[in-house]
Amino acid sequence: MYKGDDNFYLFFYNMKLGWIKKFNLKIIAVGLVVFNSFDYAFDYVLYPFIIYKYGPLYGGIAMGLLAAGICLGLMYIYDFLEKDWLGIETVKELVENFFKEEEAIAKKSWRKHGKNMMKWLFHKNKIGQFIFLSLHFDPLITTIYMRPGYHLYNGLSKRDWKIFWSSVVVSNAWWTGVAFVAVSSVEELISRFF
């Protein structure tokens, strides 16, 4: 054993790494691999194909309904299993705890104002969170992240249903536009060269 190994061990021992224990890495790894595999196949294969075949209006409506059905099914499975196989509940808990700890640390007024602004931007700004999550993820992840509390797995409240359907509309309108531009660009390139 090298002399430097003791310092290395002490460095990690003294760090606050208790949050790592909250992650069940096996469940999250399998969950994310399976979820992302289906998500990429849906987003990058099926979605552009349907938009190509049926156009942005009918194809977008069809894919929005299909996405809503798939997300609702996965949400029920997520709540039924009561396992955080996407890691969302743990991330919500980490964010909540981070801002609680940071409030205690911020003593000086200039730091406190900066921390308050960061807290508003990343924690309290629900509209910003909704738009970011809806555009970058799907309604499943948006709704689960925006549900109050963490590790509750208690189904959908009235508020959660509003978030879910709003996210279905926003995310599918965005993705329909992206898929339509991509399909149109590929069609244009093919028509120019062939």
N, C-alpha and C. Protein backbone atom coordinates (compact mmCIF):
# COMPACT_ATOMS: atom_id res chain seq x y z
N MET A 1 0.84 -1.18 0.00
CA MET A 1 0.00 0.00 0.00
C MET A 1 0.88 1.24 0.00
N TYR A 2 0.55 2.17 -0.88
CA TYR A 2 1.33 3.39 -0.98
C TYR A 2 0.94 4.36 0.12
N LYS A 3 1.90 5.20 0.48
CA LYS A 3 1.64 6.18 1.52
C LYS A 3 0.54 7.15 1.09
N GLY A 4 0.46 7.47 -0.19
CA GLY A 4 -0.54 8.39 -0.70
C GLY A 4 -1.95 7.84 -0.62
N ASP A 5 -2.10 6.50 -0.51
CA ASP A 5 -3.42 5.89 -0.46
C ASP A 5 -4.19 6.33 0.78
N ASP A 6 -3.49 6.53 1.91
CA ASP A 6 -4.17 6.97 3.13
C ASP A 6 -4.80 8.34 2.92
N ASN A 7 -4.05 9.25 2.30
CA ASN A 7 -4.59 10.58 2.05
C ASN A 7 -5.78 10.51 1.08
N PHE A 8 -5.65 9.65 0.08
CA PHE A 8 -6.73 9.48 -0.88
C PHE A 8 -7.99 8.99 -0.18
N TYR A 9 -7.83 8.00 0.69
CA TYR A 9 -8.96 7.44 1.42
C TYR A 9 -9.57 8.49 2.33
N LEU A 10 -8.74 9.20 3.07
CA LEU A 10 -9.24 10.22 3.99
C LEU A 10 -9.97 11.34 3.25
N PHE A 11 -9.45 11.68 2.08
CA PHE A 11 -10.11 12.72 1.29
C PHE A 11 -11.55 12.33 0.99
N PHE A 12 -11.76 11.10 0.52
CA PHE A 12 -13.11 10.67 0.18
C PHE A 12 -13.94 10.36 1.42
N TYR A 13 -13.29 9.94 2.49
CA TYR A 13 -14.00 9.65 3.72
C TYR A 13 -14.58 10.93 4.32
N ASN A 14 -13.81 12.01 4.24
CA ASN A 14 -14.23 13.28 4.82
C ASN A 14 -15.27 14.01 3.97
N MET A 15 -15.34 13.69 2.70
CA MET A 15 -16.34 14.33 1.84
C MET A 15 -17.72 13.83 2.21
N LYS A 16 -18.70 14.65 1.99
CA LYS A 16 -20.09 14.24 2.25
C LYS A 16 -20.59 13.44 1.06
N LEU A 17 -20.34 12.15 1.10
CA LEU A 17 -20.76 11.29 -0.01
C LEU A 17 -21.88 10.35 0.41
N GLY A 18 -22.61 10.71 1.46
CA GLY A 18 -23.71 9.88 1.90
C GLY A 18 -24.80 9.75 0.86
N TRP A 19 -24.90 10.74 -0.02
CA TRP A 19 -25.95 10.69 -1.03
C TRP A 19 -25.74 9.54 -2.01
N ILE A 20 -24.50 9.07 -2.14
CA ILE A 20 -24.24 7.96 -3.07
C ILE A 20 -24.97 6.70 -2.61
N LYS A 21 -25.11 6.54 -1.29
CA LYS A 21 -25.81 5.36 -0.78
C LYS A 21 -27.28 5.35 -1.17
N LYS A 22 -27.83 6.52 -1.47
CA LYS A 22 -29.24 6.59 -1.84
C LYS A 22 -29.50 5.99 -3.23
N PHE A 23 -28.49 5.97 -4.07
CA PHE A 23 -28.64 5.40 -5.40
C PHE A 23 -28.49 3.89 -5.34
N ASN A 24 -29.48 3.19 -5.85
CA ASN A 24 -29.33 1.76 -6.06
C ASN A 24 -28.85 1.63 -7.50
N LEU A 25 -27.54 1.58 -7.66
CA LEU A 25 -26.94 1.68 -8.99
C LEU A 25 -27.39 0.58 -9.95
N LYS A 26 -27.61 -0.62 -9.45
CA LYS A 26 -28.04 -1.71 -10.34
C LYS A 26 -29.42 -1.43 -10.92
N ILE A 27 -30.34 -1.04 -10.05
CA ILE A 27 -31.70 -0.76 -10.52
C ILE A 27 -31.70 0.42 -11.47
N ILE A 28 -30.98 1.48 -11.12
CA ILE A 28 -30.96 2.67 -11.98
C ILE A 28 -30.28 2.36 -13.30
N ALA A 29 -29.20 1.60 -13.30
CA ALA A 29 -28.50 1.27 -14.54
C ALA A 29 -29.40 0.48 -15.48
N VAL A 30 -30.04 -0.55 -14.97
CA VAL A 30 -30.92 -1.35 -15.81
C VAL A 30 -32.11 -0.50 -16.27
N GLY A 31 -32.70 0.25 -15.36
CA GLY A 31 -33.84 1.09 -15.71
C GLY A 31 -33.52 2.10 -16.78
N LEU A 32 -32.37 2.77 -16.63
CA LEU A 32 -32.00 3.79 -17.61
C LEU A 32 -31.63 3.18 -18.97
N VAL A 33 -30.97 2.03 -18.97
CA VAL A 33 -30.62 1.39 -20.24
C VAL A 33 -31.89 0.98 -20.99
N VAL A 34 -32.82 0.35 -20.29
CA VAL A 34 -34.06 -0.09 -20.94
C VAL A 34 -34.88 1.12 -21.37
N PHE A 35 -35.05 2.09 -20.46
CA PHE A 35 -35.85 3.28 -20.77
C PHE A 35 -35.26 4.06 -21.94
N ASN A 36 -33.96 4.32 -21.90
CA ASN A 36 -33.34 5.10 -22.97
C ASN A 36 -33.32 4.36 -24.30
N SER A 37 -33.21 3.05 -24.26
CA SER A 37 -33.27 2.27 -25.51
C SER A 37 -34.62 2.47 -26.20
N PHE A 38 -35.70 2.31 -25.45
CA PHE A 38 -37.02 2.52 -26.02
C PHE A 38 -37.23 3.99 -26.40
N ASP A 39 -36.73 4.90 -25.57
CA ASP A 39 -36.92 6.32 -25.82
C ASP A 39 -36.21 6.74 -27.11
N TYR A 40 -34.99 6.28 -27.32
CA TYR A 40 -34.27 6.63 -28.55
C TYR A 40 -34.92 6.01 -29.77
N ALA A 41 -35.38 4.76 -29.66
CA ALA A 41 -36.07 4.12 -30.79
C ALA A 41 -37.35 4.89 -31.12
N PHE A 42 -38.06 5.31 -30.10
CA PHE A 42 -39.30 6.07 -30.30
C PHE A 42 -39.01 7.43 -30.93
N ASP A 43 -38.03 8.16 -30.35
CA ASP A 43 -37.74 9.53 -30.79
C ASP A 43 -37.03 9.61 -32.14
N TYR A 44 -36.10 8.70 -32.39
CA TYR A 44 -35.25 8.86 -33.58
C TYR A 44 -35.56 7.90 -34.72
N VAL A 45 -36.44 6.93 -34.48
CA VAL A 45 -36.82 6.02 -35.56
C VAL A 45 -38.32 6.15 -35.86
N LEU A 46 -39.14 5.84 -34.87
CA LEU A 46 -40.59 5.82 -35.08
C LEU A 46 -41.16 7.21 -35.33
N TYR A 47 -40.76 8.18 -34.52
CA TYR A 47 -41.31 9.54 -34.64
C TYR A 47 -41.05 10.14 -36.03
N PRO A 48 -39.80 10.16 -36.51
CA PRO A 48 -39.58 10.72 -37.86
C PRO A 48 -40.29 9.93 -38.96
N PHE A 49 -40.38 8.60 -38.79
CA PHE A 49 -41.06 7.79 -39.79
C PHE A 49 -42.54 8.16 -39.89
N ILE A 50 -43.20 8.30 -38.74
CA ILE A 50 -44.63 8.66 -38.73
C ILE A 50 -44.83 10.07 -39.26
N ILE A 51 -43.95 10.98 -38.91
CA ILE A 51 -44.05 12.35 -39.43
C ILE A 51 -43.85 12.35 -40.95
N TYR A 52 -42.93 11.53 -41.42
CA TYR A 52 -42.69 11.41 -42.87
C TYR A 52 -43.93 10.85 -43.57
N LYS A 53 -44.55 9.81 -43.00
CA LYS A 53 -45.68 9.15 -43.64
C LYS A 53 -46.97 9.97 -43.57
N TYR A 54 -47.24 10.59 -42.44
CA TYR A 54 -48.54 11.23 -42.23
C TYR A 54 -48.50 12.75 -42.10
N GLY A 55 -47.31 13.33 -42.14
CA GLY A 55 -47.19 14.78 -42.04
C GLY A 55 -47.17 15.27 -40.60
N PRO A 56 -46.87 16.55 -40.41
CA PRO A 56 -46.72 17.04 -39.05
C PRO A 56 -48.04 17.13 -38.27
N LEU A 57 -49.16 17.34 -38.93
CA LEU A 57 -50.41 17.47 -38.19
C LEU A 57 -50.92 16.11 -37.71
N TYR A 58 -51.25 15.22 -38.65
CA TYR A 58 -51.78 13.92 -38.26
C TYR A 58 -50.73 13.04 -37.60
N GLY A 59 -49.53 13.09 -38.11
CA GLY A 59 -48.44 12.32 -37.49
C GLY A 59 -48.13 12.82 -36.08
N GLY A 60 -48.14 14.15 -35.90
CA GLY A 60 -47.88 14.72 -34.58
C GLY A 60 -48.96 14.35 -33.57
N ILE A 61 -50.23 14.38 -34.02
CA ILE A 61 -51.33 13.99 -33.13
C ILE A 61 -51.22 12.52 -32.76
N ALA A 62 -50.96 11.68 -33.76
CA ALA A 62 -50.84 10.24 -33.51
C ALA A 62 -49.69 9.94 -32.55
N MET A 63 -48.55 10.58 -32.77
CA MET A 63 -47.40 10.32 -31.92
C MET A 63 -47.60 10.91 -30.51
N GLY A 64 -48.30 12.03 -30.43
CA GLY A 64 -48.61 12.60 -29.11
C GLY A 64 -49.48 11.66 -28.29
N LEU A 65 -50.49 11.09 -28.93
CA LEU A 65 -51.36 10.14 -28.22
C LEU A 65 -50.61 8.87 -27.85
N LEU A 66 -49.78 8.39 -28.76
CA LEU A 66 -48.98 7.20 -28.46
C LEU A 66 -47.99 7.48 -27.32
N ALA A 67 -47.34 8.64 -27.36
CA ALA A 67 -46.40 9.01 -26.30
C ALA A 67 -47.13 9.12 -24.96
N ALA A 68 -48.32 9.71 -24.96
CA ALA A 68 -49.09 9.84 -23.72
C ALA A 68 -49.44 8.47 -23.16
N GLY A 69 -49.87 7.56 -24.02
CA GLY A 69 -50.20 6.20 -23.57
C GLY A 69 -49.00 5.47 -23.00
N ILE A 70 -47.88 5.56 -23.68
CA ILE A 70 -46.66 4.89 -23.20
C ILE A 70 -46.21 5.50 -21.86
N CYS A 71 -46.22 6.82 -21.78
CA CYS A 71 -45.78 7.48 -20.54
C CYS A 71 -46.70 7.15 -19.37
N LEU A 72 -48.02 7.10 -19.62
CA LEU A 72 -48.94 6.74 -18.54
C LEU A 72 -48.71 5.31 -18.08
N GLY A 73 -48.50 4.40 -19.03
CA GLY A 73 -48.21 3.02 -18.67
C GLY A 73 -46.94 2.91 -17.83
N LEU A 74 -45.90 3.61 -18.26
CA LEU A 74 -44.65 3.58 -17.49
C LEU A 74 -44.81 4.25 -16.13
N MET A 75 -45.65 5.28 -16.05
CA MET A 75 -45.88 5.94 -14.76
C MET A 75 -46.56 4.99 -13.78
N TYR A 76 -47.55 4.24 -14.27
CA TYR A 76 -48.21 3.28 -13.39
C TYR A 76 -47.24 2.19 -12.94
N ILE A 77 -46.39 1.73 -13.84
CA ILE A 77 -45.38 0.73 -13.47
C ILE A 77 -44.41 1.31 -12.45
N TYR A 78 -43.99 2.55 -12.67
CA TYR A 78 -43.06 3.24 -11.76
C TYR A 78 -43.65 3.34 -10.36
N ASP A 79 -44.91 3.73 -10.27
CA ASP A 79 -45.56 3.86 -8.96
C ASP A 79 -45.86 2.49 -8.35
N PHE A 80 -46.23 1.52 -9.18
CA PHE A 80 -46.55 0.17 -8.67
C PHE A 80 -45.32 -0.50 -8.09
N LEU A 81 -44.18 -0.40 -8.77
CA LEU A 81 -42.95 -1.05 -8.30
C LEU A 81 -42.35 -0.35 -7.08
N GLU A 82 -42.63 0.94 -6.93
CA GLU A 82 -42.08 1.76 -5.84
C GLU A 82 -40.56 1.67 -5.77
N LYS A 83 -39.96 1.63 -6.94
CA LYS A 83 -38.49 1.64 -7.07
C LYS A 83 -38.10 2.82 -7.95
N ASP A 84 -37.05 3.48 -7.56
CA ASP A 84 -36.60 4.65 -8.30
C ASP A 84 -35.67 4.21 -9.43
N TRP A 85 -36.23 3.51 -10.42
CA TRP A 85 -35.40 2.94 -11.49
C TRP A 85 -34.98 3.97 -12.52
N LEU A 86 -35.43 5.21 -12.40
CA LEU A 86 -34.95 6.28 -13.27
C LEU A 86 -34.05 7.26 -12.52
N GLY A 87 -33.99 7.16 -11.21
CA GLY A 87 -33.15 8.05 -10.41
C GLY A 87 -33.76 9.42 -10.17
N ILE A 88 -35.00 9.63 -10.58
CA ILE A 88 -35.61 10.96 -10.49
C ILE A 88 -35.89 11.34 -9.04
N GLU A 89 -36.40 10.42 -8.25
CA GLU A 89 -36.73 10.72 -6.86
C GLU A 89 -35.47 11.09 -6.08
N THR A 90 -34.39 10.40 -6.35
CA THR A 90 -33.14 10.69 -5.66
C THR A 90 -32.61 12.05 -6.07
N VAL A 91 -32.73 12.40 -7.34
CA VAL A 91 -32.29 13.72 -7.80
C VAL A 91 -33.13 14.81 -7.13
N LYS A 92 -34.45 14.61 -7.03
CA LYS A 92 -35.30 15.59 -6.35
C LYS A 92 -34.86 15.78 -4.90
N GLU A 93 -34.58 14.68 -4.24
CA GLU A 93 -34.14 14.74 -2.84
C GLU A 93 -32.80 15.46 -2.72
N LEU A 94 -31.86 15.16 -3.62
CA LEU A 94 -30.55 15.82 -3.58
C LEU A 94 -30.68 17.32 -3.81
N VAL A 95 -31.51 17.73 -4.75
CA VAL A 95 -31.71 19.16 -5.02
C VAL A 95 -32.30 19.84 -3.79
N GLU A 96 -33.31 19.23 -3.19
CA GLU A 96 -33.94 19.80 -1.99
C GLU A 96 -32.92 19.95 -0.86
N ASN A 97 -32.17 18.90 -0.62
CA ASN A 97 -31.17 18.94 0.46
C ASN A 97 -30.05 19.92 0.16
N PHE A 98 -29.66 20.04 -1.10
CA PHE A 98 -28.60 20.97 -1.47
C PHE A 98 -28.99 22.39 -1.12
N PHE A 99 -30.21 22.79 -1.47
CA PHE A 99 -30.63 24.16 -1.19
C PHE A 99 -30.85 24.39 0.30
N LYS A 100 -31.23 23.37 1.06
CA LYS A 100 -31.34 23.52 2.51
C LYS A 100 -29.97 23.77 3.12
N GLU A 101 -28.96 23.01 2.68
CA GLU A 101 -27.60 23.18 3.19
C GLU A 101 -27.03 24.53 2.78
N GLU A 102 -27.30 24.94 1.56
CA GLU A 102 -26.76 26.20 1.08
C GLU A 102 -27.36 27.40 1.80
N GLU A 103 -28.62 27.30 2.22
CA GLU A 103 -29.21 28.39 2.99
C GLU A 103 -28.49 28.58 4.31
N ALA A 104 -28.10 27.48 4.93
CA ALA A 104 -27.38 27.56 6.20
C ALA A 104 -25.97 28.12 6.02
N ILE A 105 -25.35 27.87 4.88
CA ILE A 105 -23.98 28.32 4.63
C ILE A 105 -23.93 29.80 4.29
N ALA A 106 -24.93 30.28 3.54
CA ALA A 106 -24.90 31.66 3.04
C ALA A 106 -25.18 32.64 4.17
N LYS A 107 -24.13 33.21 4.72
CA LYS A 107 -24.28 34.15 5.84
C LYS A 107 -24.21 35.59 5.36
N LYS A 108 -23.30 35.89 4.47
CA LYS A 108 -23.13 37.26 4.01
C LYS A 108 -24.24 37.63 3.04
N SER A 109 -24.59 38.90 3.03
CA SER A 109 -25.73 39.33 2.23
C SER A 109 -25.52 39.12 0.73
N TRP A 110 -24.31 39.38 0.24
CA TRP A 110 -24.09 39.21 -1.20
C TRP A 110 -24.18 37.74 -1.59
N ARG A 111 -23.70 36.86 -0.71
CA ARG A 111 -23.83 35.43 -0.98
C ARG A 111 -25.27 34.99 -0.88
N LYS A 112 -25.97 35.56 0.08
CA LYS A 112 -27.35 35.17 0.28
C LYS A 112 -28.19 35.55 -0.94
N HIS A 113 -27.96 36.73 -1.50
CA HIS A 113 -28.71 37.14 -2.69
C HIS A 113 -28.39 36.23 -3.88
N GLY A 114 -27.12 35.88 -4.03
CA GLY A 114 -26.73 34.97 -5.10
C GLY A 114 -27.36 33.60 -4.93
N LYS A 115 -27.36 33.10 -3.69
CA LYS A 115 -27.97 31.80 -3.42
C LYS A 115 -29.48 31.85 -3.65
N ASN A 116 -30.11 32.95 -3.25
CA ASN A 116 -31.55 33.07 -3.46
C ASN A 116 -31.89 33.09 -4.94
N MET A 117 -31.07 33.77 -5.74
CA MET A 117 -31.30 33.80 -7.18
C MET A 117 -31.13 32.40 -7.78
N MET A 118 -30.08 31.69 -7.35
CA MET A 118 -29.86 30.33 -7.86
C MET A 118 -31.00 29.41 -7.42
N LYS A 119 -31.46 29.58 -6.19
CA LYS A 119 -32.56 28.75 -5.71
C LYS A 119 -33.81 29.01 -6.54
N TRP A 120 -34.09 30.28 -6.84
CA TRP A 120 -35.26 30.59 -7.64
C TRP A 120 -35.13 30.02 -9.04
N LEU A 121 -33.95 30.17 -9.65
CA LEU A 121 -33.76 29.69 -11.02
C LEU A 121 -33.89 28.18 -11.13
N PHE A 122 -33.28 27.47 -10.18
CA PHE A 122 -33.18 26.01 -10.33
C PHE A 122 -34.13 25.22 -9.44
N HIS A 123 -34.76 25.88 -8.48
CA HIS A 123 -35.58 25.11 -7.54
C HIS A 123 -37.01 25.61 -7.45
N LYS A 124 -37.19 26.90 -7.42
CA LYS A 124 -38.53 27.46 -7.23
C LYS A 124 -39.22 27.87 -8.52
N ASN A 125 -38.49 28.03 -9.60
CA ASN A 125 -39.04 28.47 -10.87
C ASN A 125 -39.70 27.28 -11.58
N LYS A 126 -40.93 26.99 -11.21
CA LYS A 126 -41.61 25.80 -11.73
C LYS A 126 -41.91 25.89 -13.23
N ILE A 127 -42.19 27.08 -13.73
CA ILE A 127 -42.47 27.24 -15.16
C ILE A 127 -41.19 26.96 -15.96
N GLY A 128 -40.07 27.48 -15.50
CA GLY A 128 -38.80 27.22 -16.17
C GLY A 128 -38.44 25.75 -16.13
N GLN A 129 -38.66 25.11 -14.98
CA GLN A 129 -38.40 23.68 -14.87
C GLN A 129 -39.29 22.90 -15.83
N PHE A 130 -40.57 23.28 -15.87
CA PHE A 130 -41.52 22.60 -16.74
C PHE A 130 -41.09 22.69 -18.21
N ILE A 131 -40.74 23.88 -18.66
CA ILE A 131 -40.34 24.07 -20.05
C ILE A 131 -39.06 23.30 -20.35
N PHE A 132 -38.06 23.41 -19.47
CA PHE A 132 -36.80 22.70 -19.67
C PHE A 132 -37.03 21.19 -19.74
N LEU A 133 -37.75 20.66 -18.76
CA LEU A 133 -37.98 19.21 -18.72
C LEU A 133 -38.82 18.73 -19.90
N SER A 134 -39.83 19.51 -20.28
CA SER A 134 -40.69 19.11 -21.39
C SER A 134 -39.94 19.10 -22.72
N LEU A 135 -39.03 20.04 -22.90
CA LEU A 135 -38.30 20.10 -24.16
C LEU A 135 -37.15 19.09 -24.21
N HIS A 136 -36.56 18.78 -23.08
CA HIS A 136 -35.39 17.89 -23.08
C HIS A 136 -35.70 16.45 -22.71
N PHE A 137 -36.84 16.23 -22.09
CA PHE A 137 -37.22 14.88 -21.69
C PHE A 137 -38.64 14.62 -22.15
N ASP A 138 -39.27 13.62 -21.59
CA ASP A 138 -40.64 13.32 -21.99
C ASP A 138 -41.61 13.62 -20.85
N PRO A 139 -42.92 13.50 -21.10
CA PRO A 139 -43.90 13.81 -20.05
C PRO A 139 -43.75 12.95 -18.80
N LEU A 140 -43.27 11.73 -18.94
CA LEU A 140 -43.07 10.86 -17.78
C LEU A 140 -42.08 11.49 -16.80
N ILE A 141 -40.91 11.84 -17.28
CA ILE A 141 -39.88 12.40 -16.42
C ILE A 141 -40.30 13.78 -15.91
N THR A 142 -40.93 14.58 -16.75
CA THR A 142 -41.39 15.90 -16.32
C THR A 142 -42.38 15.78 -15.18
N THR A 143 -43.35 14.92 -15.32
CA THR A 143 -44.39 14.77 -14.29
C THR A 143 -43.83 14.20 -13.00
N ILE A 144 -43.00 13.17 -13.11
CA ILE A 144 -42.44 12.57 -11.90
C ILE A 144 -41.55 13.57 -11.17
N TYR A 145 -40.75 14.33 -11.91
CA TYR A 145 -39.87 15.31 -11.26
C TYR A 145 -40.67 16.43 -10.60
N MET A 146 -41.77 16.83 -11.19
CA MET A 146 -42.51 17.97 -10.67
C MET A 146 -43.56 17.59 -9.62
N ARG A 147 -43.73 16.29 -9.36
CA ARG A 147 -44.64 15.89 -8.28
C ARG A 147 -44.05 16.34 -6.95
N PRO A 148 -44.88 16.80 -6.03
CA PRO A 148 -44.35 17.20 -4.73
C PRO A 148 -43.81 16.00 -3.95
N GLY A 149 -42.77 16.23 -3.18
CA GLY A 149 -42.18 15.17 -2.37
C GLY A 149 -41.29 14.26 -3.18
N TYR A 150 -40.69 13.30 -2.52
CA TYR A 150 -39.86 12.32 -3.20
C TYR A 150 -39.99 10.99 -2.51
N HIS A 151 -39.84 9.94 -3.29
CA HIS A 151 -39.98 8.54 -2.84
C HIS A 151 -41.38 8.28 -2.28
N LEU A 152 -42.41 8.92 -2.85
CA LEU A 152 -43.78 8.72 -2.37
C LEU A 152 -44.54 7.71 -3.24
N TYR A 153 -44.36 7.75 -4.53
CA TYR A 153 -45.01 6.84 -5.48
C TYR A 153 -46.51 6.78 -5.24
N ASN A 154 -47.15 7.95 -5.17
CA ASN A 154 -48.56 8.01 -4.78
C ASN A 154 -49.50 8.36 -5.92
N GLY A 155 -49.14 8.06 -7.13
CA GLY A 155 -50.03 8.32 -8.24
C GLY A 155 -50.06 9.78 -8.64
N LEU A 156 -51.09 10.15 -9.38
CA LEU A 156 -51.20 11.49 -9.91
C LEU A 156 -52.35 12.26 -9.25
N SER A 157 -52.04 13.45 -8.78
CA SER A 157 -53.06 14.35 -8.26
C SER A 157 -53.63 15.16 -9.42
N LYS A 158 -54.58 16.03 -9.13
CA LYS A 158 -55.15 16.89 -10.17
C LYS A 158 -54.07 17.76 -10.79
N ARG A 159 -53.21 18.30 -9.94
CA ARG A 159 -52.09 19.14 -10.41
C ARG A 159 -51.16 18.34 -11.31
N ASP A 160 -50.87 17.10 -10.92
CA ASP A 160 -49.98 16.25 -11.70
C ASP A 160 -50.57 15.92 -13.07
N TRP A 161 -51.89 15.71 -13.14
CA TRP A 161 -52.54 15.46 -14.42
C TRP A 161 -52.40 16.66 -15.34
N LYS A 162 -52.55 17.87 -14.77
CA LYS A 162 -52.38 19.09 -15.58
C LYS A 162 -50.95 19.18 -16.11
N ILE A 163 -50.00 18.89 -15.25
CA ILE A 163 -48.59 18.92 -15.68
C ILE A 163 -48.37 17.88 -16.76
N PHE A 164 -48.91 16.68 -16.57
CA PHE A 164 -48.71 15.61 -17.55
C PHE A 164 -49.25 16.00 -18.92
N TRP A 165 -50.51 16.41 -19.00
CA TRP A 165 -51.10 16.72 -20.30
C TRP A 165 -50.48 17.95 -20.93
N SER A 166 -50.11 18.93 -20.10
CA SER A 166 -49.41 20.10 -20.64
C SER A 166 -48.06 19.70 -21.21
N SER A 167 -47.38 18.81 -20.52
CA SER A 167 -46.09 18.34 -21.00
C SER A 167 -46.23 17.52 -22.28
N VAL A 168 -47.29 16.74 -22.37
CA VAL A 168 -47.55 15.98 -23.60
C VAL A 168 -47.68 16.94 -24.78
N VAL A 169 -48.45 18.02 -24.59
CA VAL A 169 -48.65 18.99 -25.66
C VAL A 169 -47.34 19.70 -26.01
N VAL A 170 -46.64 20.22 -25.00
CA VAL A 170 -45.41 20.99 -25.25
C VAL A 170 -44.33 20.11 -25.86
N SER A 171 -44.08 18.96 -25.25
CA SER A 171 -42.97 18.12 -25.73
C SER A 171 -43.25 17.56 -27.11
N ASN A 172 -44.51 17.19 -27.39
CA ASN A 172 -44.81 16.63 -28.71
C ASN A 172 -44.89 17.70 -29.78
N ALA A 173 -45.32 18.89 -29.43
CA ALA A 173 -45.28 19.99 -30.41
C ALA A 173 -43.83 20.28 -30.78
N TRP A 174 -42.97 20.34 -29.77
CA TRP A 174 -41.54 20.58 -30.01
C TRP A 174 -40.95 19.46 -30.85
N TRP A 175 -41.20 18.21 -30.44
CA TRP A 175 -40.56 17.09 -31.13
C TRP A 175 -41.14 16.91 -32.53
N THR A 176 -42.41 17.23 -32.73
CA THR A 176 -42.99 17.17 -34.08
C THR A 176 -42.29 18.17 -34.98
N GLY A 177 -42.04 19.38 -34.46
CA GLY A 177 -41.31 20.38 -35.25
C GLY A 177 -39.90 19.93 -35.58
N VAL A 178 -39.21 19.37 -34.58
CA VAL A 178 -37.84 18.88 -34.81
C VAL A 178 -37.84 17.76 -35.85
N ALA A 179 -38.76 16.81 -35.69
CA ALA A 179 -38.81 15.68 -36.63
C ALA A 179 -39.20 16.14 -38.03
N PHE A 180 -40.11 17.10 -38.11
CA PHE A 180 -40.53 17.60 -39.43
C PHE A 180 -39.37 18.31 -40.13
N VAL A 181 -38.63 19.12 -39.41
CA VAL A 181 -37.47 19.80 -40.00
C VAL A 181 -36.42 18.78 -40.44
N ALA A 182 -36.18 17.78 -39.61
CA ALA A 182 -35.19 16.75 -39.95
C ALA A 182 -35.62 15.95 -41.18
N VAL A 183 -36.88 15.53 -41.21
CA VAL A 183 -37.38 14.75 -42.34
C VAL A 183 -37.37 15.59 -43.61
N SER A 184 -37.79 16.85 -43.52
CA SER A 184 -37.80 17.73 -44.68
C SER A 184 -36.38 17.97 -45.20
N SER A 185 -35.43 18.12 -44.29
CA SER A 185 -34.04 18.33 -44.69
C SER A 185 -33.47 17.11 -45.39
N VAL A 186 -33.77 15.93 -44.86
CA VAL A 186 -33.29 14.70 -45.49
C VAL A 186 -33.94 14.52 -46.86
N GLU A 187 -35.24 14.80 -46.97
CA GLU A 187 -35.91 14.71 -48.27
C GLU A 187 -35.29 15.67 -49.28
N GLU A 188 -34.99 16.87 -48.85
CA GLU A 188 -34.38 17.87 -49.72
C GLU A 188 -33.00 17.43 -50.17
N LEU A 189 -32.21 16.92 -49.25
CA LEU A 189 -30.87 16.43 -49.60
C LEU A 189 -30.95 15.27 -50.59
N ILE A 190 -31.85 14.36 -50.35
CA ILE A 190 -31.99 13.22 -51.26
C ILE A 190 -32.45 13.67 -52.64
N SER A 191 -33.39 14.61 -52.69
CA SER A 191 -33.88 15.07 -53.98
C SER A 191 -32.80 15.85 -54.75
N ARG A 192 -31.92 16.51 -54.08
CA ARG A 192 -30.85 17.26 -54.77
C ARG A 192 -29.76 16.35 -55.32
N PHE A 193 -29.47 15.28 -54.61
CA PHE A 193 -28.35 14.43 -55.03
C PHE A 193 -28.78 13.21 -55.83
N PHE A 194 -30.04 12.86 -55.81
CA PHE A 194 -30.46 11.65 -56.52
C PHE A 194 -31.55 11.94 -57.48
